[in-house]
Protein backbone atom coordinates (compact mmCIF):
# COMPACT_ATOMS: atom_id res chain seq x y z
CA UNK A 1 30.26 -35.62 99.51
CA UNK A 2 30.99 -35.46 103.21
CA UNK A 3 33.82 -33.95 105.23
CA UNK A 4 35.54 -35.79 108.10
CA UNK A 5 38.10 -33.37 109.51
CA UNK A 6 40.11 -32.51 106.39
CA UNK A 7 38.91 -35.53 104.40
CA UNK A 8 36.22 -35.77 101.74
CA UNK A 9 34.37 -38.97 100.88
CA UNK A 10 32.49 -39.61 97.66
CA UNK A 11 31.50 -42.33 95.26
CA UNK A 12 34.28 -43.25 92.88
CA UNK A 13 33.99 -42.60 89.18
CA UNK A 14 35.86 -43.91 86.14
CA UNK A 15 38.36 -41.03 86.27
CA UNK A 16 39.53 -42.27 89.71
CA UNK A 17 40.53 -45.79 88.65
CA UNK A 18 44.19 -45.14 87.82
CA UNK A 19 44.74 -43.32 91.12
CA UNK A 20 42.91 -46.10 92.99
CA UNK A 21 45.18 -48.65 91.30
CA UNK A 22 48.25 -46.64 92.35
CA UNK A 23 47.08 -46.58 95.99
CA UNK A 24 46.49 -50.33 95.76
CA UNK A 25 50.01 -50.91 94.41
CA UNK A 26 51.58 -48.73 97.12
CA UNK A 27 49.73 -50.23 100.07
CA UNK A 28 48.62 -53.82 99.45
CA UNK A 29 50.32 -57.00 98.28
CA UNK A 30 47.11 -58.03 96.45
CA UNK A 31 46.97 -56.20 93.15
CA UNK A 32 44.41 -56.51 90.39
CA UNK A 33 44.28 -55.70 86.68
CA UNK A 34 42.60 -52.47 85.60
CA UNK A 35 39.55 -54.28 84.18
CA UNK A 36 38.83 -55.75 87.64
CA UNK A 37 38.56 -52.28 89.24
CA UNK A 38 36.48 -51.00 86.32
CA UNK A 39 34.18 -54.03 86.43
CA UNK A 40 33.43 -53.56 90.14
CA UNK A 41 32.84 -49.85 89.60
CA UNK A 42 30.48 -50.55 86.68
CA UNK A 43 28.53 -53.33 88.43
CA UNK A 44 28.44 -51.94 91.99
CA UNK A 45 28.99 -48.17 91.75
CA UNK A 46 27.04 -47.38 94.93
CA UNK A 47 29.56 -49.22 97.11
CA UNK A 48 32.84 -48.02 95.57
CA UNK A 49 34.07 -45.00 97.54
CA UNK A 50 37.19 -42.86 97.60
CA UNK A 51 38.62 -40.59 100.27
CA UNK A 52 40.37 -37.35 99.36
CA UNK A 53 42.56 -34.85 101.16
CA UNK A 54 43.35 -31.53 99.51
CA UNK A 55 42.17 -32.84 96.14
CA UNK A 56 44.32 -35.99 96.27
CA UNK A 57 42.97 -39.52 96.57
CA UNK A 58 44.22 -41.10 99.80
CA UNK A 59 42.11 -44.24 100.10
CA UNK A 60 39.35 -46.35 98.61
CA UNK A 61 36.97 -49.23 99.20
CA UNK A 62 35.49 -51.46 96.51
CA UNK A 63 32.86 -54.13 96.98
CA UNK A 64 30.66 -56.61 95.18
CA UNK A 65 27.42 -58.42 95.86
CA UNK A 66 27.06 -62.19 96.18
CA UNK A 67 24.55 -64.72 97.38
CA UNK A 68 25.23 -67.45 99.89
CA UNK A 69 24.41 -69.20 103.10
CA UNK A 70 24.25 -66.74 105.98
CA UNK A 71 27.03 -66.71 108.53
CA UNK A 72 24.43 -65.98 111.21
CA UNK A 73 21.44 -68.22 110.40
CA UNK A 74 20.45 -71.14 108.22
CA UNK A 75 19.21 -69.17 105.25
CA UNK A 76 20.27 -67.93 101.83
CA UNK A 77 21.08 -64.19 101.86
CA UNK A 78 22.43 -61.40 99.72
CA UNK A 79 25.93 -60.61 100.93
CA UNK A 80 28.05 -57.58 100.36
CA UNK A 81 31.72 -58.49 99.97
CA UNK A 82 34.41 -55.94 100.75
CA UNK A 83 36.99 -56.83 98.11
CA UNK A 84 39.62 -54.23 98.91
CA UNK A 85 39.99 -51.29 101.28
CA UNK A 86 43.11 -49.29 102.01
CA UNK A 87 44.37 -45.86 103.01
CA UNK A 88 47.79 -44.38 102.27
CA UNK A 89 50.06 -44.91 105.32
CA UNK A 90 50.48 -41.21 106.13
CA UNK A 91 46.68 -40.82 106.48
CA UNK A 92 46.02 -43.88 108.65
CA UNK A 93 44.74 -43.82 112.24
CA UNK A 94 42.53 -40.80 111.51
CA UNK A 95 39.19 -42.53 110.89
CA UNK A 96 39.41 -42.64 107.09
CA UNK A 97 39.29 -46.44 106.78
CA UNK A 98 36.48 -46.69 109.33
CA UNK A 99 34.44 -44.11 107.41
CA UNK A 100 35.01 -45.88 104.08
CA UNK A 101 33.92 -49.23 105.58
CA UNK A 102 30.85 -47.72 107.26
CA UNK A 103 29.77 -46.01 104.04
CA UNK A 104 30.22 -49.21 102.04
CA UNK A 105 28.22 -51.31 104.53
CA UNK A 106 25.38 -48.77 104.51
CA UNK A 107 25.41 -48.50 100.70
CA UNK A 108 25.35 -52.28 100.21
CA UNK A 109 22.43 -52.58 102.63
CA UNK A 110 20.45 -49.65 101.22
CA UNK A 111 21.20 -49.94 97.50
CA UNK A 112 21.73 -53.69 97.02
CA UNK A 113 19.68 -55.14 99.92
CA UNK A 114 22.69 -56.84 101.55
CA UNK A 115 21.71 -58.69 104.73
CA UNK A 116 25.31 -59.13 105.77
CA UNK A 117 28.76 -58.00 104.70
CA UNK A 118 31.83 -60.24 104.54
CA UNK A 119 35.54 -59.70 104.06
CA UNK A 120 38.82 -61.54 104.25
CA UNK A 121 41.76 -60.08 106.13
CA UNK A 122 45.32 -61.33 106.63
CA UNK A 123 45.72 -62.96 110.05
CA UNK A 124 48.83 -60.76 110.53
CA UNK A 125 46.93 -57.51 109.84
CA UNK A 126 46.12 -56.72 113.46
CA UNK A 127 45.32 -53.01 112.87
CA UNK A 128 42.63 -53.93 110.31
CA UNK A 129 41.27 -56.76 112.48
CA UNK A 130 40.96 -54.26 115.36
CA UNK A 131 39.01 -51.81 113.15
CA UNK A 132 36.65 -54.56 111.98
CA UNK A 133 36.16 -55.65 115.59
CA UNK A 134 35.25 -52.10 116.65
CA UNK A 135 32.74 -52.03 113.80
CA UNK A 136 31.19 -55.25 115.23
CA UNK A 137 32.40 -57.70 112.58
CA UNK A 138 32.49 -61.28 113.88
CA UNK A 139 35.38 -63.63 113.15
CA UNK A 140 33.74 -66.53 111.30
CA UNK A 141 36.64 -68.83 110.43
CA UNK A 142 40.23 -69.02 109.23
CA UNK A 143 40.82 -69.73 105.55
CA UNK A 144 44.12 -71.56 105.21
CA UNK A 145 46.65 -70.30 102.62
CA UNK A 146 44.13 -67.79 101.23
CA UNK A 147 46.71 -65.33 99.96
CA UNK A 148 49.15 -65.89 97.10
CA UNK A 149 52.09 -65.88 99.52
CA UNK A 150 50.45 -68.63 101.58
CA UNK A 151 49.25 -66.50 104.51
CA UNK A 152 45.94 -67.43 106.12
CA UNK A 153 42.94 -65.10 106.11
CA UNK A 154 40.25 -64.49 108.66
CA UNK A 155 36.75 -64.49 107.22
CA UNK A 156 34.80 -61.80 109.04
CA UNK A 157 31.13 -60.87 108.72
CA UNK A 158 28.60 -58.40 110.05
CA UNK A 159 24.81 -58.29 109.79
CA UNK A 160 23.38 -55.12 108.27
CA UNK A 161 20.39 -53.16 109.48
CA UNK A 162 18.43 -54.95 106.69
CA UNK A 163 18.92 -58.36 108.33
CA UNK A 164 16.44 -57.78 111.13
């Protein structure tokens, strides 16, 4: 567990899932069934983090591992995939999301040997795109009509320390 100002970050556990689902429902249009959250926690526990403030969950990040052609070279690599990351609105712009993303990238590299990390983000989500840019994610391509409501997504990727 680590403190960032008045925030605590730790790996998620099964007791957190219902609160994580509630944060997801309150903050994102993409919602998933409970088994999806539990499956990612069970399969990739090292890269599922929560943020807390005064004992209350305020954000989370969940990820999975995949294989595929690198976005940076002509080779097959292990990729970490950030599936979902969000922070309650009243706690945004304080570094919580950045810390969750950084922890997840490091965990996927160290624990699962990810050579790069990918994510999709709504083209309209300029605050998130700005955070990913500051973290050195590259914009790879636009995925047309990626979201259920028809909005396009940007596919973004970053190489991990393991890729060199």
